[in-house]
Amino acid sequence: MKAYKLKKEYLKEYLKSLESFGEVWGPVKKGEIDVYEKITDFSQLNLNALRPILPLKKFLIPPRFTTFFYKNGKYENALKEVKRRIIFGVHPCEIHALLILDRLYKERFPDYYYLTNRKSTLIIALSCVPDDKCFARSLNTHFVEEGFDLGFTDLEDYYLVWVGSSEGDDLLRLRLDLFEEKITSKDLNHYIEWRKWRDNQYQLNLDLTAMPDIIELSYDLEIWNEIGEKCLSCGTCSMVCPTCTCFNIVDYLNIADEPGRRERFWDSCMLKTFALVAGGFNFREKRTDRVKLWYTHKLKAFITEFGKPACVGCGRCLANCPVNINVLEIVKILKGEEVIKK
């Protein structure tokens, strides 16, 4: 993987040049939160953003969109072409989530809408420093070697820039004059020392050793009832999670001589109506059952099928749960470890 250097003073000039390739998006501060937005004023770009409230998946599977129109037994795809876009400032843990989505949407049942958006989206990764809600290091998602087109590592007064794809090489060569090709041993040592320093900044740890078996043996524990009583079933954890993929589909019929349309939108297995079927029967009417399903999928089913959890340690669920349900404490309780209440 080839690497270059870019002085920080040239960053905004370089990002501005990418507009000739496609729309440029990045994290922008909105009140107390960060959001991914299309960048028109590069002075608004928040290079220290911790975690945009909605993850990268919003670009690939939008929160709500029309899939197709239909009339007289024929249908027409609503999504035909997507403008090229470059997403800057994506953290390593979120790229790991993107790799999980790739497996879900590319392999057994290829998803036309995801793949169309994915093909038109380029990723520029940016290194980060964890806060008190990030636990990516314990899941080995705090660094990334694939899934990005360019990768920027912040080394004080310059960026070490990694080329991760042929498209990334094209992006870099738009303004190759801004980059330095010579990487010295001093630069490499600087990077190694930075990696060591950054690894020591993580305050939280999540040990998922034997978690599938532990959850299998813990279905009847009182802890699930306690969490269920506390949970508001608001679905926030699912909406902000970069790997949650629950969705619903609604058909809108038109009695006039106009096409009908089918819409697809984000849903959550934490919501009471998610498992509601015809006749009014609800497979998971109790909050306890929905909470149990959420954790079983993340920490058992996904590990069993794919060899890794459907969690990347980004900390969004910890940061946004209105009643402070903590995945770290729940795992410790299930493993019989002592939990210190603050």
C-alpha atoms as a PDB file:
ATOM      1  CA  MET A   1       0.000   0.000   0.000  1.00  0.00           C
ATOM      2  CA  LYS A   2       1.693   3.190  -1.185  1.00  0.00           C
ATOM      3  CA  ALA A   3       1.869   6.176   1.164  1.00  0.00           C
ATOM      4  CA  TYR A   4       2.337   9.914   0.691  1.00  0.00           C
ATOM      5  CA  LYS A   5       2.548  12.986   2.912  1.00  0.00           C
ATOM      6  CA  LEU A   6       0.241  15.984   2.846  1.00  0.00           C
ATOM      7  CA  LYS A   7       0.919  19.107   4.878  1.00  0.00           C
ATOM      8  CA  LYS A   8      -2.128  20.152   6.872  1.00  0.00           C
ATOM      9  CA  GLU A   9      -2.125  23.594   5.321  1.00  0.00           C
ATOM     10  CA  TYR A  10      -2.987  21.984   1.968  1.00  0.00           C
ATOM     11  CA  LEU A  11      -5.892  19.827   3.165  1.00  0.00           C
ATOM     12  CA  LYS A  12      -8.781  22.171   2.374  1.00  0.00           C
ATOM     13  CA  GLU A  13      -7.280  23.075  -0.986  1.00  0.00           C
ATOM     14  CA  TYR A  14      -7.011  19.389  -1.819  1.00  0.00           C
ATOM     15  CA  LEU A  15     -10.553  18.573  -0.692  1.00  0.00           C
ATOM     16  CA  LYS A  16     -11.851  21.504  -2.709  1.00  0.00           C
ATOM     17  CA  SER A  17     -10.219  20.021  -5.810  1.00  0.00           C
ATOM     18  CA  LEU A  18     -12.191  16.802  -5.321  1.00  0.00           C
ATOM     19  CA  GLU A  19     -15.378  18.630  -6.323  1.00  0.00           C
ATOM     20  CA  SER A  20     -14.300  18.060  -9.927  1.00  0.00           C
ATOM     21  CA  PHE A  21     -14.677  14.330  -9.235  1.00  0.00           C
ATOM     22  CA  GLY A  22     -17.950  14.381  -7.298  1.00  0.00           C
ATOM     23  CA  GLU A  23     -19.796  15.777  -4.290  1.00  0.00           C
ATOM     24  CA  VAL A  24     -17.639  16.076  -1.160  1.00  0.00           C
ATOM     25  CA  TRP A  25     -19.223  15.152   2.163  1.00  0.00           C
ATOM     26  CA  GLY A  26     -17.776  15.235   5.655  1.00  0.00           C
ATOM     27  CA  PRO A  27     -18.532  15.746   9.359  1.00  0.00           C
ATOM     28  CA  VAL A  28     -19.965  19.140  10.313  1.00  0.00           C
ATOM     29  CA  LYS A  29     -20.796  20.378  13.815  1.00  0.00           C
ATOM     30  CA  LYS A  30     -24.512  20.979  14.418  1.00  0.00           C
ATOM     31  CA  GLY A  31     -25.059  22.169  17.969  1.00  0.00           C
ATOM     32  CA  GLU A  32     -23.704  19.408  20.200  1.00  0.00           C
ATOM     33  CA  ILE A  33     -23.623  16.691  17.533  1.00  0.00           C
ATOM     34  CA  ASP A  34     -21.750  15.978  14.314  1.00  0.00           C
ATOM     35  CA  VAL A  35     -23.469  15.041  11.063  1.00  0.00           C
ATOM     36  CA  TYR A  36     -22.254  14.014   7.635  1.00  0.00           C
ATOM     37  CA  GLU A  37     -23.165  16.863   5.270  1.00  0.00           C
ATOM     38  CA  LYS A  38     -22.312  17.957   1.766  1.00  0.00           C
ATOM     39  CA  ILE A  39     -19.412  20.390   2.114  1.00  0.00           C
ATOM     40  CA  THR A  40     -19.645  23.713   0.326  1.00  0.00           C
ATOM     41  CA  ASP A  41     -17.686  25.741   2.873  1.00  0.00           C
ATOM     42  CA  PHE A  42     -14.626  23.719   3.864  1.00  0.00           C
ATOM     43  CA  SER A  43     -14.041  25.877   6.928  1.00  0.00           C
ATOM     44  CA  GLN A  44     -17.094  24.135   8.451  1.00  0.00           C
ATOM     45  CA  LEU A  45     -15.467  20.708   8.266  1.00  0.00           C
ATOM     46  CA  ASN A  46     -14.965  19.293  11.774  1.00  0.00           C
ATOM     47  CA  LEU A  47     -11.688  17.383  11.691  1.00  0.00           C
ATOM     48  CA  ASN A  48     -12.080  16.412  15.354  1.00  0.00           C
ATOM     49  CA  ALA A  49     -15.542  14.883  15.014  1.00  0.00           C
ATOM     50  CA  LEU A  50     -15.948  11.875  17.298  1.00  0.00           C
ATOM     51  CA  ARG A  51     -18.927  10.079  15.767  1.00  0.00           C
ATOM     52  CA  PRO A  52     -21.486  11.635  13.404  1.00  0.00           C
ATOM     53  CA  ILE A  53     -24.860  10.778  14.897  1.00  0.00           C
ATOM     54  CA  LEU A  54     -26.033   8.888  11.799  1.00  0.00           C
ATOM     55  CA  PRO A  55     -23.437   6.487  10.416  1.00  0.00           C
ATOM     56  CA  LEU A  56     -22.122   5.905   6.931  1.00  0.00           C
ATOM     57  CA  LYS A  57     -24.977   3.516   6.122  1.00  0.00           C
ATOM     58  CA  LYS A  58     -27.271   6.515   5.483  1.00  0.00           C
ATOM     59  CA  PHE A  59     -25.484   7.057   2.154  1.00  0.00           C
ATOM     60  CA  LEU A  60     -25.839   3.453   1.025  1.00  0.00           C
ATOM     61  CA  ILE A  61     -29.284   2.589   2.371  1.00  0.00           C
ATOM     62  CA  PRO A  62     -31.009   5.949   2.975  1.00  0.00           C
ATOM     63  CA  PRO A  63     -33.425   6.211   5.919  1.00  0.00           C
ATOM     64  CA  ARG A  64     -36.322   6.331   3.438  1.00  0.00           C
ATOM     65  CA  PHE A  65     -36.396   5.947  -0.343  1.00  0.00           C
ATOM     66  CA  THR A  66     -38.589   4.802  -3.226  1.00  0.00           C
ATOM     67  CA  THR A  67     -37.461   1.481  -4.676  1.00  0.00           C
ATOM     68  CA  PHE A  68     -39.652   1.321  -7.773  1.00  0.00           C
ATOM     69  CA  PHE A  69     -42.863   2.442  -9.464  1.00  0.00           C
ATOM     70  CA  TYR A  70     -45.387  -0.009 -10.886  1.00  0.00           C
ATOM     71  CA  LYS A  71     -48.396   0.052 -13.199  1.00  0.00           C
ATOM     72  CA  ASN A  72     -50.320  -2.578 -15.196  1.00  0.00           C
ATOM     73  CA  GLY A  73     -48.030  -5.404 -14.126  1.00  0.00           C
ATOM     74  CA  LYS A  74     -44.836  -3.562 -15.056  1.00  0.00           C
ATOM     75  CA  TYR A  75     -42.344  -1.844 -12.796  1.00  0.00           C
ATOM     76  CA  GLU A  76     -39.577   0.725 -13.183  1.00  0.00           C
ATOM     77  CA  ASN A  77     -36.635   1.165 -10.827  1.00  0.00           C
ATOM     78  CA  ALA A  78     -36.662   4.531  -9.093  1.00  0.00           C
ATOM     79  CA  LEU A  79     -32.910   4.433  -8.480  1.00  0.00           C
ATOM     80  CA  LYS A  80     -31.105   4.505 -11.801  1.00  0.00           C
ATOM     81  CA  GLU A  81     -28.114   6.758 -11.308  1.00  0.00           C
ATOM     82  CA  VAL A  82     -26.365   8.166  -8.261  1.00  0.00           C
ATOM     83  CA  LYS A  83     -24.074  11.185  -8.294  1.00  0.00           C
ATOM     84  CA  ARG A  84     -20.488  10.339  -7.420  1.00  0.00           C
ATOM     85  CA  ARG A  85     -19.608  11.397  -3.912  1.00  0.00           C
ATOM     86  CA  ILE A  86     -16.534  11.343  -1.714  1.00  0.00           C
ATOM     87  CA  ILE A  87     -17.058  10.932   2.026  1.00  0.00           C
ATOM     88  CA  PHE A  88     -14.166  12.430   3.997  1.00  0.00           C
ATOM     89  CA  GLY A  89     -13.453  11.862   7.679  1.00  0.00           C
ATOM     90  CA  VAL A  90     -14.650   8.268   8.058  1.00  0.00           C
ATOM     91  CA  HIS A  91     -13.151   6.583  11.121  1.00  0.00           C
ATOM     92  CA  PRO A  92     -11.696   3.047  11.056  1.00  0.00           C
ATOM     93  CA  CYS A  93     -14.478   1.487  13.147  1.00  0.00           C
ATOM     94  CA  GLU A  94     -17.067   2.794  10.693  1.00  0.00           C
ATOM     95  CA  ILE A  95     -15.174   1.290   7.776  1.00  0.00           C
ATOM     96  CA  HIS A  96     -15.275  -2.058   9.586  1.00  0.00           C
ATOM     97  CA  ALA A  97     -19.044  -1.582   9.777  1.00  0.00           C
ATOM     98  CA  LEU A  98     -19.054  -0.884   6.042  1.00  0.00           C
ATOM     99  CA  LEU A  99     -17.243  -4.180   5.432  1.00  0.00           C
ATOM    100  CA  ILE A 100     -19.973  -5.932   7.444  1.00  0.00           C
ATOM    101  CA  LEU A 101     -22.656  -4.273   5.305  1.00  0.00           C
ATOM    102  CA  ASP A 102     -20.776  -5.367   2.186  1.00  0.00           C
ATOM    103  CA  ARG A 103     -21.045  -8.985   3.302  1.00  0.00           C
ATOM    104  CA  LEU A 104     -24.738  -8.658   4.064  1.00  0.00           C
ATOM    105  CA  TYR A 105     -25.728  -6.831   0.894  1.00  0.00           C
ATOM    106  CA  LYS A 106     -23.268  -8.213  -1.671  1.00  0.00           C
ATOM    107  CA  GLU A 107     -22.969 -11.936  -1.092  1.00  0.00           C
ATOM    108  CA  ARG A 108     -26.005 -14.210  -0.725  1.00  0.00           C
ATOM    109  CA  PHE A 109     -28.731 -11.758  -1.703  1.00  0.00           C
ATOM    110  CA  PRO A 110     -27.211  -8.867  -3.665  1.00  0.00           C
ATOM    111  CA  ASP A 111     -29.121  -5.662  -2.952  1.00  0.00           C
ATOM    112  CA  TYR A 112     -29.459  -3.514  -6.065  1.00  0.00           C
ATOM    113  CA  TYR A 113     -30.007  -0.284  -4.126  1.00  0.00           C
ATOM    114  CA  TYR A 114     -27.069  -0.777  -1.783  1.00  0.00           C
ATOM    115  CA  LEU A 115     -24.755  -1.813  -4.606  1.00  0.00           C
ATOM    116  CA  THR A 116     -25.765   1.132  -6.800  1.00  0.00           C
ATOM    117  CA  ASN A 117     -25.052   3.603  -4.005  1.00  0.00           C
ATOM    118  CA  ARG A 118     -21.880   1.780  -2.959  1.00  0.00           C
ATOM    119  CA  LYS A 119     -20.444   1.911  -6.468  1.00  0.00           C
ATOM    120  CA  SER A 120     -20.816   5.696  -6.560  1.00  0.00           C
ATOM    121  CA  THR A 121     -19.364   6.340  -3.092  1.00  0.00           C
ATOM    122  CA  LEU A 122     -15.663   6.776  -2.363  1.00  0.00           C
ATOM    123  CA  ILE A 123     -14.323   6.682   1.181  1.00  0.00           C
ATOM    124  CA  ILE A 124     -11.531   8.804   2.634  1.00  0.00           C
ATOM    125  CA  ALA A 125     -10.653   7.483   6.073  1.00  0.00           C
ATOM    126  CA  LEU A 126      -9.362   9.714   8.860  1.00  0.00           C
ATOM    127  CA  SER A 127      -7.592   8.607  12.014  1.00  0.00           C
ATOM    128  CA  CYS A 128      -9.201   9.407  15.345  1.00  0.00           C
ATOM    129  CA  VAL A 129      -8.522   9.581  19.063  1.00  0.00           C
ATOM    130  CA  PRO A 130     -11.036   7.750  21.287  1.00  0.00           C
ATOM    131  CA  ASP A 131     -13.221   9.303  23.946  1.00  0.00           C
ATOM    132  CA  ASP A 132     -14.760   7.681  27.030  1.00  0.00           C
ATOM    133  CA  LYS A 133     -17.429   5.840  25.007  1.00  0.00           C
ATOM    134  CA  CYS A 134     -15.250   4.233  22.346  1.00  0.00           C
ATOM    135  CA  PHE A 135     -14.134   0.618  22.712  1.00  0.00           C
ATOM    136  CA  ALA A 136     -12.943  -0.138  19.167  1.00  0.00           C
ATOM    137  CA  ARG A 137      -9.503  -1.343  20.256  1.00  0.00           C
ATOM    138  CA  SER A 138     -10.914  -4.343  22.120  1.00  0.00           C
ATOM    139  CA  LEU A 139     -12.707  -5.397  18.910  1.00  0.00           C
ATOM    140  CA  ASN A 140      -9.664  -4.761  16.680  1.00  0.00           C
ATOM    141  CA  THR A 141     -11.596  -2.157  14.706  1.00  0.00           C
ATOM    142  CA  HIS A 142      -9.427   0.806  15.690  1.00  0.00           C
ATOM    143  CA  PHE A 143      -7.315   0.470  12.554  1.00  0.00           C
ATOM    144  CA  VAL A 144      -8.201  -0.617   9.051  1.00  0.00           C
ATOM    145  CA  GLU A 145      -6.322  -2.022   6.067  1.00  0.00           C
ATOM    146  CA  GLU A 146      -9.129  -2.250   3.507  1.00  0.00           C
ATOM    147  CA  GLY A 147     -12.490  -0.753   2.655  1.00  0.00           C
ATOM    148  CA  PHE A 148     -11.232   2.785   1.952  1.00  0.00           C
ATOM    149  CA  ASP A 149      -9.946   4.604  -1.112  1.00  0.00           C
ATOM    150  CA  LEU A 150      -7.627   7.012   0.703  1.00  0.00           C
ATOM    151  CA  GLY A 151      -6.626   6.890   4.361  1.00  0.00           C
ATOM    152  CA  PHE A 152      -5.409   9.954   6.292  1.00  0.00           C
ATOM    153  CA  THR A 153      -3.432   9.537   9.516  1.00  0.00           C
ATOM    154  CA  ASP A 154      -3.027  12.755  11.517  1.00  0.00           C
ATOM    155  CA  LEU A 155       0.623  13.136  12.550  1.00  0.00           C
ATOM    156  CA  GLU A 156       0.538  16.636  14.063  1.00  0.00           C
ATOM    157  CA  ASP A 157       1.626  18.992  11.265  1.00  0.00           C
ATOM    158  CA  TYR A 158       1.017  16.637   8.331  1.00  0.00           C
ATOM    159  CA  TYR A 159      -1.052  13.651   7.224  1.00  0.00           C
ATOM    160  CA  LEU A 160       0.336  10.300   6.233  1.00  0.00           C
ATOM    161  CA  VAL A 161      -1.902   9.369   3.300  1.00  0.00           C
ATOM    162  CA  TRP A 162      -2.428   5.739   2.316  1.00  0.00           C
ATOM    163  CA  VAL A 163      -3.744   4.734  -1.101  1.00  0.00           C
ATOM    164  CA  GLY A 164      -6.314   1.971  -0.640  1.00  0.00           C
ATOM    165  CA  SER A 165      -7.699   1.525  -4.165  1.00  0.00           C
ATOM    166  CA  SER A 166      -7.212   2.460  -7.807  1.00  0.00           C
ATOM    167  CA  GLU A 167     -10.006   5.027  -7.392  1.00  0.00           C
ATOM    168  CA  GLY A 168      -8.105   6.453  -4.432  1.00  0.00           C
ATOM    169  CA  ASP A 169      -5.023   6.755  -6.606  1.00  0.00           C
ATOM    170  CA  ASP A 170      -7.115   8.700  -9.126  1.00  0.00           C
ATOM    171  CA  LEU A 171      -8.296  11.030  -6.359  1.00  0.00           C
ATOM    172  CA  LEU A 172      -4.771  11.654  -5.151  1.00  0.00           C
ATOM    173  CA  ARG A 173      -3.494  12.388  -8.645  1.00  0.00           C
ATOM    174  CA  LEU A 174      -6.024  15.179  -9.088  1.00  0.00           C
ATOM    175  CA  ARG A 175      -3.545  17.312  -7.099  1.00  0.00           C
ATOM    176  CA  LEU A 176      -0.418  15.219  -6.888  1.00  0.00           C
ATOM    177  CA  ASP A 177       1.561  18.458  -6.686  1.00  0.00           C
ATOM    178  CA  LEU A 178       0.321  18.959  -3.101  1.00  0.00           C
ATOM    179  CA  PHE A 179       1.716  15.617  -1.890  1.00  0.00           C
ATOM    180  CA  GLU A 180       5.212  14.453  -0.995  1.00  0.00           C
ATOM    181  CA  GLU A 181       6.097  10.989  -2.275  1.00  0.00           C
ATOM    182  CA  LYS A 182       9.204  10.447  -0.166  1.00  0.00           C
ATOM    183  CA  ILE A 183       8.413   8.714   3.142  1.00  0.00           C
ATOM    184  CA  THR A 184      11.432   8.668   5.463  1.00  0.00           C
ATOM    185  CA  SER A 185      12.308   6.370   8.349  1.00  0.00           C
ATOM    186  CA  LYS A 186      11.552   9.328  10.618  1.00  0.00           C
ATOM    187  CA  ASP A 187       8.007   9.428   9.240  1.00  0.00           C
ATOM    188  CA  LEU A 188       7.571   5.698   9.829  1.00  0.00           C
ATOM    189  CA  ASN A 189       8.864   5.948  13.393  1.00  0.00           C
ATOM    190  CA  HIS A 190       6.541   8.895  13.974  1.00  0.00           C
ATOM    191  CA  TYR A 191       3.625   6.767  12.769  1.00  0.00           C
ATOM    192  CA  ILE A 192       4.623   3.810  14.965  1.00  0.00           C
ATOM    193  CA  GLU A 193       4.902   6.020  18.041  1.00  0.00           C
ATOM    194  CA  TRP A 194       1.551   7.607  17.258  1.00  0.00           C
ATOM    195  CA  ARG A 195      -0.065   4.153  16.999  1.00  0.00           C
ATOM    196  CA  LYS A 196       1.322   3.206  20.410  1.00  0.00           C
ATOM    197  CA  TRP A 197       0.146   6.470  21.936  1.00  0.00           C
ATOM    198  CA  ARG A 198      -3.334   6.228  20.407  1.00  0.00           C
ATOM    199  CA  ASP A 199      -3.756   2.605  21.570  1.00  0.00           C
ATOM    200  CA  ASN A 200      -3.120   3.726  25.145  1.00  0.00           C
ATOM    201  CA  GLN A 201      -5.923   6.318  24.989  1.00  0.00           C
ATOM    202  CA  TYR A 202      -8.686   3.696  25.056  1.00  0.00           C
ATOM    203  CA  GLN A 203     -10.437   3.590  28.419  1.00  0.00           C
ATOM    204  CA  LEU A 204     -13.053   0.907  27.715  1.00  0.00           C
ATOM    205  CA  ASN A 205     -12.719  -2.779  26.961  1.00  0.00           C
ATOM    206  CA  LEU A 206     -15.269  -5.289  25.698  1.00  0.00           C
ATOM    207  CA  ASP A 207     -14.281  -8.947  25.998  1.00  0.00           C
ATOM    208  CA  LEU A 208     -16.556 -11.134  23.865  1.00  0.00           C
ATOM    209  CA  THR A 209     -14.716 -14.396  24.497  1.00  0.00           C
ATOM    210  CA  ALA A 210     -17.218 -17.294  24.348  1.00  0.00           C
ATOM    211  CA  MET A 211     -20.072 -14.792  24.085  1.00  0.00           C
ATOM    212  CA  PRO A 212     -22.286 -16.947  21.798  1.00  0.00           C
ATOM    213  CA  ASP A 213     -22.243 -19.783  24.342  1.00  0.00           C
ATOM    214  CA  ILE A 214     -22.753 -17.417  27.264  1.00  0.00           C
ATOM    215  CA  ILE A 215     -25.836 -15.857  25.673  1.00  0.00           C
ATOM    216  CA  GLU A 216     -27.178 -19.306  24.805  1.00  0.00           C
ATOM    217  CA  LEU A 217     -26.966 -20.254  28.481  1.00  0.00           C
ATOM    218  CA  SER A 218     -28.309 -16.929  29.749  1.00  0.00           C
ATOM    219  CA  TYR A 219     -31.743 -16.691  28.131  1.00  0.00           C
ATOM    220  CA  ASP A 220     -33.598 -17.041  31.428  1.00  0.00           C
ATOM    221  CA  LEU A 221     -31.468 -14.713  33.548  1.00  0.00           C
ATOM    222  CA  GLU A 222     -33.223 -11.905  35.407  1.00  0.00           C
ATOM    223  CA  ILE A 223     -30.880  -9.367  33.795  1.00  0.00           C
ATOM    224  CA  TRP A 224     -32.994  -9.408  30.623  1.00  0.00           C
ATOM    225  CA  ASN A 225     -36.131  -8.451  32.553  1.00  0.00           C
ATOM    226  CA  GLU A 226     -34.242  -5.644  34.277  1.00  0.00           C
ATOM    227  CA  ILE A 227     -33.011  -4.261  30.957  1.00  0.00           C
ATOM    228  CA  GLY A 228     -36.463  -4.664  29.430  1.00  0.00           C
ATOM    229  CA  GLU A 229     -38.019  -2.637  32.252  1.00  0.00           C
ATOM    230  CA  LYS A 230     -35.459   0.110  31.756  1.00  0.00           C
ATOM    231  CA  CYS A 231     -35.573   0.188  27.936  1.00  0.00           C
ATOM    232  CA  LEU A 232     -37.929   2.728  26.323  1.00  0.00           C
ATOM    233  CA  SER A 233     -38.118   0.781  23.041  1.00  0.00           C
ATOM    234  CA  CYS A 234     -37.404   4.022  21.205  1.00  0.00           C
ATOM    235  CA  GLY A 235     -35.159   2.327  18.631  1.00  0.00           C
ATOM    236  CA  THR A 236     -32.394   4.913  18.941  1.00  0.00           C
ATOM    237  CA  CYS A 237     -29.722   2.228  19.346  1.00  0.00           C
ATOM    238  CA  SER A 238     -30.744   0.674  16.019  1.00  0.00           C
ATOM    239  CA  MET A 239     -30.952   3.942  14.106  1.00  0.00           C
ATOM    240  CA  VAL A 240     -27.480   5.125  15.121  1.00  0.00           C
ATOM    241  CA  CYS A 241     -25.820   1.702  14.892  1.00  0.00           C
ATOM    242  CA  PRO A 242     -23.632   1.413  11.766  1.00  0.00           C
ATOM    243  CA  THR A 243     -24.458  -2.294  11.316  1.00  0.00           C
ATOM    244  CA  CYS A 244     -28.208  -2.447  12.057  1.00  0.00           C
ATOM    245  CA  THR A 245     -30.145  -3.242   8.881  1.00  0.00           C
ATOM    246  CA  CYS A 246     -33.805  -3.782   9.881  1.00  0.00           C
ATOM    247  CA  PHE A 247     -36.194  -2.234   7.370  1.00  0.00           C
ATOM    248  CA  ASN A 248     -39.845  -2.109   6.385  1.00  0.00           C
ATOM    249  CA  ILE A 249     -41.571  -1.867   3.013  1.00  0.00           C
ATOM    250  CA  VAL A 250     -44.817  -0.050   2.233  1.00  0.00           C
ATOM    251  CA  ASP A 251     -46.752   0.023  -1.041  1.00  0.00           C
ATOM    252  CA  TYR A 252     -48.588   3.218  -1.931  1.00  0.00           C
ATOM    253  CA  LEU A 253     -51.422   2.474  -4.345  1.00  0.00           C
ATOM    254  CA  ASN A 254     -53.120   5.056  -6.517  1.00  0.00           C
ATOM    255  CA  ILE A 255     -56.752   4.489  -7.495  1.00  0.00           C
ATOM    256  CA  ALA A 256     -56.379   6.962 -10.349  1.00  0.00           C
ATOM    257  CA  ASP A 257     -54.549   6.051 -13.514  1.00  0.00           C
ATOM    258  CA  GLU A 258     -51.175   6.777 -11.912  1.00  0.00           C
ATOM    259  CA  PRO A 259     -48.269   4.463 -11.022  1.00  0.00           C
ATOM    260  CA  GLY A 260     -48.067   3.002  -7.544  1.00  0.00           C
ATOM    261  CA  ARG A 261     -44.797   3.104  -5.656  1.00  0.00           C
ATOM    262  CA  ARG A 262     -42.960   0.984  -3.123  1.00  0.00           C
ATOM    263  CA  GLU A 263     -40.972   2.651  -0.349  1.00  0.00           C
ATOM    264  CA  ARG A 264     -38.364   1.164   1.928  1.00  0.00           C
ATOM    265  CA  PHE A 265     -37.361   2.711   5.217  1.00  0.00           C
ATOM    266  CA  TRP A 266     -35.335   1.986   8.304  1.00  0.00           C
ATOM    267  CA  ASP A 267     -37.077   0.053  11.045  1.00  0.00           C
ATOM    268  CA  SER A 268     -35.936  -1.424  14.347  1.00  0.00           C
ATOM    269  CA  CYS A 269     -36.463  -4.778  16.020  1.00  0.00           C
ATOM    270  CA  MET A 270     -36.597  -2.764  19.262  1.00  0.00           C
ATOM    271  CA  LEU A 271     -39.927  -1.199  18.250  1.00  0.00           C
ATOM    272  CA  LYS A 272     -43.128  -2.871  19.426  1.00  0.00           C
ATOM    273  CA  THR A 273     -44.694  -3.001  15.965  1.00  0.00           C
ATOM    274  CA  PHE A 274     -41.705  -4.641  14.266  1.00  0.00           C
ATOM    275  CA  ALA A 275     -42.890  -8.215  14.907  1.00  0.00           C
ATOM    276  CA  LEU A 276     -46.605  -7.422  14.618  1.00  0.00           C
ATOM    277  CA  VAL A 277     -48.302  -9.575  11.970  1.00  0.00           C
ATOM    278  CA  ALA A 278     -51.777 -10.013  10.505  1.00  0.00           C
ATOM    279  CA  GLY A 279     -54.451 -10.828  13.055  1.00  0.00           C
ATOM    280  CA  GLY A 280     -52.795  -8.651  15.677  1.00  0.00           C
ATOM    281  CA  PHE A 281     -50.325 -11.294  16.900  1.00  0.00           C
ATOM    282  CA  ASN A 282     -46.956  -9.974  18.048  1.00  0.00           C
ATOM    283  CA  PHE A 283     -44.018 -12.371  18.194  1.00  0.00           C
ATOM    284  CA  ARG A 284     -42.086 -10.048  20.498  1.00  0.00           C
ATOM    285  CA  GLU A 285     -44.599  -7.906  22.325  1.00  0.00           C
ATOM    286  CA  LYS A 286     -42.509  -7.700  25.506  1.00  0.00           C
ATOM    287  CA  ARG A 287     -39.601  -5.283  25.654  1.00  0.00           C
ATOM    288  CA  THR A 288     -37.550  -7.993  27.340  1.00  0.00           C
ATOM    289  CA  ASP A 289     -37.857 -10.205  24.267  1.00  0.00           C
ATOM    290  CA  ARG A 290     -36.858  -7.387  21.933  1.00  0.00           C
ATOM    291  CA  VAL A 291     -33.816  -6.446  23.994  1.00  0.00           C
ATOM    292  CA  LYS A 292     -32.770 -10.078  24.138  1.00  0.00           C
ATOM    293  CA  LEU A 293     -33.116 -10.404  20.359  1.00  0.00           C
ATOM    294  CA  TRP A 294     -30.999  -7.295  19.754  1.00  0.00           C
ATOM    295  CA  TYR A 295     -28.101  -8.555  21.846  1.00  0.00           C
ATOM    296  CA  THR A 296     -28.452 -12.118  20.589  1.00  0.00           C
ATOM    297  CA  HIS A 297     -28.115 -10.941  17.008  1.00  0.00           C
ATOM    298  CA  LYS A 298     -25.159  -8.654  17.693  1.00  0.00           C
ATOM    299  CA  LEU A 299     -23.163 -10.875  20.014  1.00  0.00           C
ATOM    300  CA  LYS A 300     -24.225 -14.433  19.199  1.00  0.00           C
ATOM    301  CA  ALA A 301     -25.859 -15.011  15.820  1.00  0.00           C
ATOM    302  CA  PHE A 302     -23.460 -12.809  13.872  1.00  0.00           C
ATOM    303  CA  ILE A 303     -20.386 -14.291  15.534  1.00  0.00           C
ATOM    304  CA  THR A 304     -21.674 -17.806  14.846  1.00  0.00           C
ATOM    305  CA  GLU A 305     -22.291 -17.103  11.159  1.00  0.00           C
ATOM    306  CA  PHE A 306     -19.530 -14.649  10.245  1.00  0.00           C
ATOM    307  CA  GLY A 307     -16.890 -15.133  12.925  1.00  0.00           C
ATOM    308  CA  LYS A 308     -17.131 -11.581  14.265  1.00  0.00           C
ATOM    309  CA  PRO A 309     -19.706  -9.550  16.216  1.00  0.00           C
ATOM    310  CA  ALA A 310     -22.055  -7.057  14.579  1.00  0.00           C
ATOM    311  CA  CYS A 311     -20.500  -4.393  16.779  1.00  0.00           C
ATOM    312  CA  VAL A 312     -17.495  -2.237  15.916  1.00  0.00           C
ATOM    313  CA  GLY A 313     -17.101  -0.364  19.202  1.00  0.00           C
ATOM    314  CA  CYS A 314     -18.027   3.072  17.850  1.00  0.00           C
ATOM    315  CA  GLY A 315     -19.887   3.965  21.061  1.00  0.00           C
ATOM    316  CA  ARG A 316     -22.967   5.430  19.370  1.00  0.00           C
ATOM    317  CA  CYS A 317     -25.406   3.315  21.379  1.00  0.00           C
ATOM    318  CA  LEU A 318     -23.694   4.341  24.618  1.00  0.00           C
ATOM    319  CA  ALA A 319     -23.682   8.000  23.636  1.00  0.00           C
ATOM    320  CA  ASN A 320     -27.307   8.167  22.500  1.00  0.00           C
ATOM    321  CA  CYS A 321     -29.358   5.780  24.664  1.00  0.00           C
ATOM    322  CA  PRO A 322     -31.698   8.059  26.694  1.00  0.00           C
ATOM    323  CA  VAL A 323     -31.691   5.678  29.684  1.00  0.00           C
ATOM    324  CA  ASN A 324     -27.979   4.817  29.548  1.00  0.00           C
ATOM    325  CA  ILE A 325     -28.249   1.118  28.780  1.00  0.00           C
ATOM    326  CA  ASN A 326     -24.642   0.029  28.580  1.00  0.00           C
ATOM    327  CA  VAL A 327     -23.558  -2.885  26.396  1.00  0.00           C
ATOM    328  CA  LEU A 328     -20.266  -3.086  28.289  1.00  0.00           C
ATOM    329  CA  GLU A 329     -21.931  -3.619  31.662  1.00  0.00           C
ATOM    330  CA  ILE A 330     -24.440  -6.101  30.246  1.00  0.00           C
ATOM    331  CA  VAL A 331     -21.667  -8.256  28.811  1.00  0.00           C
ATOM    332  CA  LYS A 332     -19.797  -8.161  32.123  1.00  0.00           C
ATOM    333  CA  ILE A 333     -22.927  -9.195  34.039  1.00  0.00           C
ATOM    334  CA  LEU A 334     -23.584 -12.076  31.639  1.00  0.00           C
ATOM    335  CA  LYS A 335     -19.999 -13.230  32.160  1.00  0.00           C
ATOM    336  CA  GLY A 336     -20.365 -13.090  35.932  1.00  0.00           C
ATOM    337  CA  GLU A 337     -17.935 -10.217  36.368  1.00  0.00           C
ATOM    338  CA  GLU A 338     -18.330  -7.511  38.974  1.00  0.00           C
ATOM    339  CA  VAL A 339     -19.779  -4.262  37.672  1.00  0.00           C
ATOM    340  CA  ILE A 340     -18.883  -1.074  39.506  1.00  0.00           C
ATOM    341  CA  LYS A 341     -21.745   1.421  39.422  1.00  0.00           C
ATOM    342  CA  LYS A 342     -20.676   5.042  39.099  1.00  0.00           C
END
